[in-house]
């Protein structure tokens, strides 16, 4: 696995709360979802582990649910992470609908 993650930003139409599970489930056959964190109602941050050779499949899976990874972002990730091993990808999805004022309750961690 690569030591340095690569950040890729994309945009999605719709509302984060309505699309969250659909997006995460579309990714699971192609990459491992290590972490999924919604921020407010407009941003979803995903940490993925993926073989760079599967980026085309990831792009197709996300396109199927209305999320587009552009060619520039894909090429940059592929250049930074040659095929042959799994790499960490940080995917940031901005939503066109929703509220920036949405609050997420995070339970306290004991101890």
N, C-alpha and C. Protein backbone atom coordinates (compact mmCIF):
# COMPACT_ATOMS: atom_id res chain seq x y z
N UNK A 1 0.85 -1.17 0.00
CA UNK A 1 0.00 0.00 0.00
C UNK A 1 0.90 1.23 0.00
N UNK A 2 0.49 2.25 -0.71
CA UNK A 2 1.26 3.48 -0.81
C UNK A 2 1.26 4.21 0.53
N UNK A 3 2.34 4.91 0.80
CA UNK A 3 2.45 5.64 2.06
C UNK A 3 1.68 6.96 2.06
N UNK A 4 1.59 7.62 0.89
CA UNK A 4 0.94 8.93 0.87
C UNK A 4 -0.40 8.86 0.15
N UNK A 5 -1.51 9.18 0.86
CA UNK A 5 -2.81 9.15 0.21
C UNK A 5 -2.93 10.28 -0.80
N UNK A 6 -3.78 10.11 -1.76
CA UNK A 6 -4.05 11.11 -2.78
C UNK A 6 -5.48 11.58 -2.59
N UNK A 7 -5.67 12.89 -2.59
CA UNK A 7 -6.98 13.47 -2.41
C UNK A 7 -7.61 13.73 -3.76
N UNK A 8 -8.85 13.29 -3.93
CA UNK A 8 -9.59 13.51 -5.16
C UNK A 8 -10.92 14.13 -4.79
N UNK A 9 -11.22 15.29 -5.36
CA UNK A 9 -12.48 15.98 -5.08
C UNK A 9 -13.43 15.82 -6.25
N UNK A 10 -14.68 15.51 -5.95
CA UNK A 10 -15.70 15.36 -6.98
C UNK A 10 -16.99 16.03 -6.50
N UNK A 11 -17.94 16.16 -7.42
CA UNK A 11 -19.21 16.80 -7.10
C UNK A 11 -20.35 15.85 -7.41
N UNK A 12 -21.41 15.93 -6.63
CA UNK A 12 -22.60 15.11 -6.85
C UNK A 12 -23.84 15.99 -6.77
N UNK A 13 -24.81 15.68 -7.60
CA UNK A 13 -26.09 16.36 -7.45
C UNK A 13 -26.84 15.67 -6.32
N UNK A 14 -27.84 16.32 -5.82
CA UNK A 14 -28.66 15.71 -4.78
C UNK A 14 -28.21 16.07 -3.38
N UNK A 15 -28.83 15.40 -2.44
CA UNK A 15 -28.65 15.64 -1.01
C UNK A 15 -27.82 14.52 -0.41
N UNK A 16 -26.86 14.87 0.44
CA UNK A 16 -25.98 13.89 1.07
C UNK A 16 -26.76 12.81 1.80
N UNK A 17 -27.73 13.19 2.62
CA UNK A 17 -28.46 12.20 3.41
C UNK A 17 -29.22 11.21 2.53
N UNK A 18 -29.71 11.67 1.38
CA UNK A 18 -30.43 10.79 0.47
C UNK A 18 -29.49 9.90 -0.32
N UNK A 19 -28.27 10.33 -0.57
CA UNK A 19 -27.36 9.62 -1.47
C UNK A 19 -26.27 8.81 -0.76
N UNK A 20 -26.07 9.04 0.52
CA UNK A 20 -24.96 8.45 1.28
C UNK A 20 -24.81 6.94 1.05
N UNK A 21 -25.85 6.17 1.39
CA UNK A 21 -25.74 4.71 1.29
C UNK A 21 -25.60 4.24 -0.16
N UNK A 22 -26.28 4.91 -1.06
CA UNK A 22 -26.20 4.55 -2.47
C UNK A 22 -24.75 4.70 -2.97
N UNK A 23 -24.10 5.78 -2.62
CA UNK A 23 -22.71 6.02 -3.04
C UNK A 23 -21.77 5.00 -2.42
N UNK A 24 -21.86 4.80 -1.12
CA UNK A 24 -20.97 3.86 -0.43
C UNK A 24 -21.15 2.44 -0.98
N UNK A 25 -22.39 2.02 -1.19
CA UNK A 25 -22.64 0.67 -1.70
C UNK A 25 -22.14 0.51 -3.13
N UNK A 26 -22.15 1.58 -3.92
CA UNK A 26 -21.66 1.48 -5.30
C UNK A 26 -20.14 1.28 -5.33
N UNK A 27 -19.45 1.75 -4.30
CA UNK A 27 -17.99 1.65 -4.23
C UNK A 27 -17.53 0.27 -3.75
N UNK A 28 -18.28 -0.35 -2.86
CA UNK A 28 -17.83 -1.60 -2.20
C UNK A 28 -17.36 -2.72 -3.14
N UNK A 29 -17.97 -2.95 -4.31
CA UNK A 29 -17.45 -4.03 -5.17
C UNK A 29 -16.08 -3.71 -5.80
N UNK A 30 -15.69 -2.45 -5.78
CA UNK A 30 -14.49 -2.00 -6.50
C UNK A 30 -13.33 -1.67 -5.55
N UNK A 31 -13.65 -1.15 -4.38
CA UNK A 31 -12.63 -0.71 -3.43
C UNK A 31 -13.12 -0.95 -2.00
N UNK A 32 -12.18 -1.00 -1.08
CA UNK A 32 -12.55 -1.13 0.33
C UNK A 32 -12.80 0.26 0.91
N UNK A 33 -13.96 0.44 1.52
CA UNK A 33 -14.28 1.70 2.18
C UNK A 33 -13.76 1.59 3.61
N UNK A 34 -12.68 2.32 3.90
CA UNK A 34 -12.05 2.28 5.21
C UNK A 34 -12.80 3.19 6.18
N UNK A 35 -13.22 4.34 5.68
CA UNK A 35 -13.93 5.31 6.52
C UNK A 35 -14.84 6.15 5.64
N UNK A 36 -16.02 6.45 6.17
CA UNK A 36 -16.96 7.35 5.49
C UNK A 36 -17.46 8.34 6.52
N UNK A 37 -17.22 9.63 6.27
CA UNK A 37 -17.57 10.68 7.22
C UNK A 37 -18.34 11.80 6.55
N UNK A 38 -19.59 12.00 6.92
CA UNK A 38 -20.32 13.16 6.41
C UNK A 38 -19.96 14.40 7.24
N UNK A 39 -19.80 15.52 6.56
CA UNK A 39 -19.57 16.80 7.22
C UNK A 39 -20.67 17.74 6.80
N UNK A 40 -21.35 18.32 7.73
CA UNK A 40 -22.53 19.15 7.50
C UNK A 40 -23.45 18.38 6.56
N UNK A 41 -24.19 19.06 5.72
CA UNK A 41 -25.07 18.38 4.77
C UNK A 41 -24.55 18.48 3.36
N UNK A 42 -23.30 18.94 3.21
CA UNK A 42 -22.79 19.22 1.87
C UNK A 42 -21.52 18.48 1.48
N UNK A 43 -20.91 17.73 2.38
CA UNK A 43 -19.63 17.10 2.07
C UNK A 43 -19.57 15.70 2.67
N UNK A 44 -19.11 14.75 1.87
CA UNK A 44 -18.86 13.39 2.34
C UNK A 44 -17.41 13.08 2.06
N UNK A 45 -16.68 12.70 3.10
CA UNK A 45 -15.27 12.35 2.96
C UNK A 45 -15.15 10.83 3.09
N UNK A 46 -14.53 10.21 2.09
CA UNK A 46 -14.35 8.75 2.08
C UNK A 46 -12.87 8.42 2.01
N UNK A 47 -12.44 7.45 2.80
CA UNK A 47 -11.10 6.91 2.69
C UNK A 47 -11.25 5.52 2.09
N UNK A 48 -10.59 5.30 0.95
CA UNK A 48 -10.69 4.04 0.23
C UNK A 48 -9.32 3.40 0.11
N UNK A 49 -9.30 2.08 0.03
CA UNK A 49 -8.10 1.35 -0.37
C UNK A 49 -8.45 0.71 -1.70
N UNK A 50 -7.62 1.00 -2.72
CA UNK A 50 -7.93 0.57 -4.08
C UNK A 50 -6.65 0.27 -4.85
N UNK A 51 -6.73 -0.69 -5.73
CA UNK A 51 -5.65 -0.93 -6.69
C UNK A 51 -5.82 0.13 -7.77
N UNK A 52 -4.80 0.93 -8.06
CA UNK A 52 -4.95 1.97 -9.08
C UNK A 52 -5.46 1.45 -10.43
N UNK A 53 -5.25 0.17 -10.71
CA UNK A 53 -5.78 -0.41 -11.93
C UNK A 53 -7.29 -0.52 -11.93
N UNK A 54 -7.93 -0.33 -10.78
CA UNK A 54 -9.39 -0.41 -10.65
C UNK A 54 -10.06 0.96 -10.70
N UNK A 55 -9.29 2.01 -10.97
CA UNK A 55 -9.87 3.35 -11.00
C UNK A 55 -10.95 3.51 -12.07
N UNK A 56 -10.77 2.87 -13.20
CA UNK A 56 -11.80 2.93 -14.24
C UNK A 56 -13.10 2.33 -13.75
N UNK A 57 -13.01 1.20 -13.04
CA UNK A 57 -14.20 0.56 -12.48
C UNK A 57 -14.83 1.44 -11.40
N UNK A 58 -14.00 2.11 -10.60
CA UNK A 58 -14.51 3.03 -9.58
C UNK A 58 -15.24 4.19 -10.25
N UNK A 59 -14.63 4.75 -11.27
CA UNK A 59 -15.26 5.86 -11.98
C UNK A 59 -16.61 5.43 -12.56
N UNK A 60 -16.67 4.24 -13.15
CA UNK A 60 -17.92 3.74 -13.71
C UNK A 60 -18.98 3.51 -12.63
N UNK A 61 -18.56 2.95 -11.49
CA UNK A 61 -19.49 2.69 -10.40
C UNK A 61 -20.08 3.99 -9.86
N UNK A 62 -19.22 4.99 -9.68
CA UNK A 62 -19.70 6.28 -9.19
C UNK A 62 -20.56 7.00 -10.22
N UNK A 63 -20.19 6.89 -11.49
CA UNK A 63 -21.00 7.51 -12.55
C UNK A 63 -22.40 6.93 -12.55
N UNK A 64 -22.51 5.65 -12.22
CA UNK A 64 -23.82 5.00 -12.17
C UNK A 64 -24.75 5.57 -11.11
N UNK A 65 -24.19 6.26 -10.13
CA UNK A 65 -25.01 6.90 -9.09
C UNK A 65 -24.89 8.42 -9.14
N UNK A 66 -24.40 8.93 -10.28
CA UNK A 66 -24.40 10.38 -10.49
C UNK A 66 -23.22 11.14 -9.91
N UNK A 67 -22.10 10.45 -9.64
CA UNK A 67 -20.90 11.11 -9.12
C UNK A 67 -19.81 10.94 -10.17
N UNK A 68 -19.19 12.04 -10.58
CA UNK A 68 -18.19 11.97 -11.64
C UNK A 68 -16.80 12.27 -11.14
N UNK A 69 -15.84 11.37 -11.44
CA UNK A 69 -14.42 11.63 -11.23
C UNK A 69 -13.89 12.07 -12.58
N UNK A 70 -13.37 13.29 -12.64
CA UNK A 70 -12.91 13.77 -13.95
C UNK A 70 -11.58 13.13 -14.34
N UNK A 71 -11.26 13.23 -15.62
CA UNK A 71 -10.05 12.60 -16.15
C UNK A 71 -8.77 13.15 -15.54
N UNK A 72 -8.77 14.44 -15.19
CA UNK A 72 -7.58 15.07 -14.60
C UNK A 72 -7.30 14.45 -13.23
N UNK A 73 -8.33 14.30 -12.39
CA UNK A 73 -8.15 13.72 -11.07
C UNK A 73 -7.73 12.26 -11.17
N UNK A 74 -8.34 11.53 -12.09
CA UNK A 74 -7.99 10.13 -12.27
C UNK A 74 -6.54 9.99 -12.72
N UNK A 75 -6.12 10.79 -13.69
CA UNK A 75 -4.74 10.73 -14.20
C UNK A 75 -3.73 11.08 -13.11
N UNK A 76 -4.05 12.09 -12.29
CA UNK A 76 -3.15 12.49 -11.20
C UNK A 76 -2.98 11.36 -10.19
N UNK A 77 -4.09 10.69 -9.85
CA UNK A 77 -4.01 9.58 -8.90
C UNK A 77 -3.20 8.43 -9.49
N UNK A 78 -3.46 8.09 -10.75
CA UNK A 78 -2.74 7.00 -11.40
C UNK A 78 -1.24 7.29 -11.49
N UNK A 79 -0.88 8.55 -11.76
CA UNK A 79 0.54 8.92 -11.85
C UNK A 79 1.23 8.80 -10.49
N UNK A 80 0.52 9.15 -9.42
CA UNK A 80 1.10 9.09 -8.09
C UNK A 80 1.16 7.67 -7.54
N UNK A 81 0.30 6.79 -8.07
CA UNK A 81 0.19 5.43 -7.55
C UNK A 81 0.16 4.44 -8.70
N UNK A 82 1.31 4.00 -9.18
CA UNK A 82 1.33 3.03 -10.28
C UNK A 82 0.64 1.73 -9.87
N UNK A 83 0.11 1.00 -10.84
CA UNK A 83 -0.53 -0.30 -10.58
C UNK A 83 0.45 -1.26 -9.93
N UNK A 84 -0.10 -2.25 -9.29
CA UNK A 84 0.75 -3.27 -8.71
C UNK A 84 0.56 -3.41 -7.22
N UNK A 85 -0.10 -2.50 -6.58
CA UNK A 85 -0.37 -2.60 -5.15
C UNK A 85 -1.52 -1.70 -4.78
N UNK A 86 -2.07 -1.95 -3.62
CA UNK A 86 -3.20 -1.13 -3.18
C UNK A 86 -2.70 0.21 -2.66
N UNK A 87 -3.51 1.23 -2.89
CA UNK A 87 -3.19 2.58 -2.45
C UNK A 87 -4.36 3.15 -1.68
N UNK A 88 -4.07 4.13 -0.85
CA UNK A 88 -5.11 4.83 -0.11
C UNK A 88 -5.56 6.03 -0.93
N UNK A 89 -6.85 6.18 -1.07
CA UNK A 89 -7.43 7.30 -1.80
C UNK A 89 -8.39 8.02 -0.87
N UNK A 90 -8.25 9.33 -0.79
CA UNK A 90 -9.18 10.16 -0.03
C UNK A 90 -10.11 10.80 -1.06
N UNK A 91 -11.38 10.47 -0.98
CA UNK A 91 -12.37 10.98 -1.93
C UNK A 91 -13.28 11.94 -1.20
N UNK A 92 -13.34 13.16 -1.68
CA UNK A 92 -14.16 14.20 -1.09
C UNK A 92 -15.30 14.51 -2.06
N UNK A 93 -16.54 14.28 -1.64
CA UNK A 93 -17.70 14.50 -2.51
C UNK A 93 -18.50 15.68 -1.98
N UNK A 94 -18.61 16.71 -2.82
CA UNK A 94 -19.41 17.89 -2.48
C UNK A 94 -20.80 17.72 -3.10
N UNK A 95 -21.83 18.06 -2.34
CA UNK A 95 -23.20 17.91 -2.80
C UNK A 95 -23.81 19.26 -3.14
N UNK A 96 -24.60 19.28 -4.21
CA UNK A 96 -25.18 20.53 -4.68
C UNK A 96 -26.41 20.94 -3.88
N UNK A 97 -26.99 20.01 -3.15
CA UNK A 97 -28.16 20.32 -2.33
C UNK A 97 -27.87 19.93 -0.90
N UNK A 98 -28.64 20.43 0.01
CA UNK A 98 -28.41 20.14 1.42
C UNK A 98 -28.15 21.43 2.17
N UNK A 99 -27.84 21.31 3.43
CA UNK A 99 -27.65 22.48 4.27
C UNK A 99 -26.28 22.46 4.93
N UNK A 100 -25.60 23.58 4.83
CA UNK A 100 -24.30 23.71 5.50
C UNK A 100 -24.49 23.79 7.01
N UNK A 101 -25.70 24.04 7.47
CA UNK A 101 -25.98 24.15 8.90
C UNK A 101 -26.32 22.83 9.56
N UNK A 102 -26.34 21.73 8.80
CA UNK A 102 -26.65 20.43 9.38
C UNK A 102 -25.59 20.06 10.40
N UNK A 103 -26.04 19.63 11.56
CA UNK A 103 -25.13 19.23 12.63
C UNK A 103 -25.15 17.71 12.77
N UNK A 104 -23.99 17.13 12.93
CA UNK A 104 -23.86 15.68 13.13
C UNK A 104 -23.50 15.44 14.59
N UNK A 105 -24.30 14.66 15.29
CA UNK A 105 -24.02 14.36 16.69
C UNK A 105 -23.03 13.21 16.74
N UNK A 106 -21.92 13.47 17.42
CA UNK A 106 -20.88 12.44 17.58
C UNK A 106 -20.85 12.05 19.04
N UNK A 107 -21.11 10.75 19.32
CA UNK A 107 -21.13 10.35 20.74
C UNK A 107 -19.77 10.49 21.39
N UNK A 108 -19.79 10.78 22.66
CA UNK A 108 -18.54 10.89 23.43
C UNK A 108 -17.89 9.53 23.54
N UNK A 109 -16.59 9.52 23.50
CA UNK A 109 -15.84 8.28 23.67
C UNK A 109 -15.49 8.17 25.14
N UNK A 110 -15.86 7.03 25.76
CA UNK A 110 -15.56 6.90 27.19
C UNK A 110 -14.06 6.88 27.44
N UNK A 111 -13.69 7.42 28.58
CA UNK A 111 -12.29 7.35 29.00
C UNK A 111 -11.65 8.62 28.86
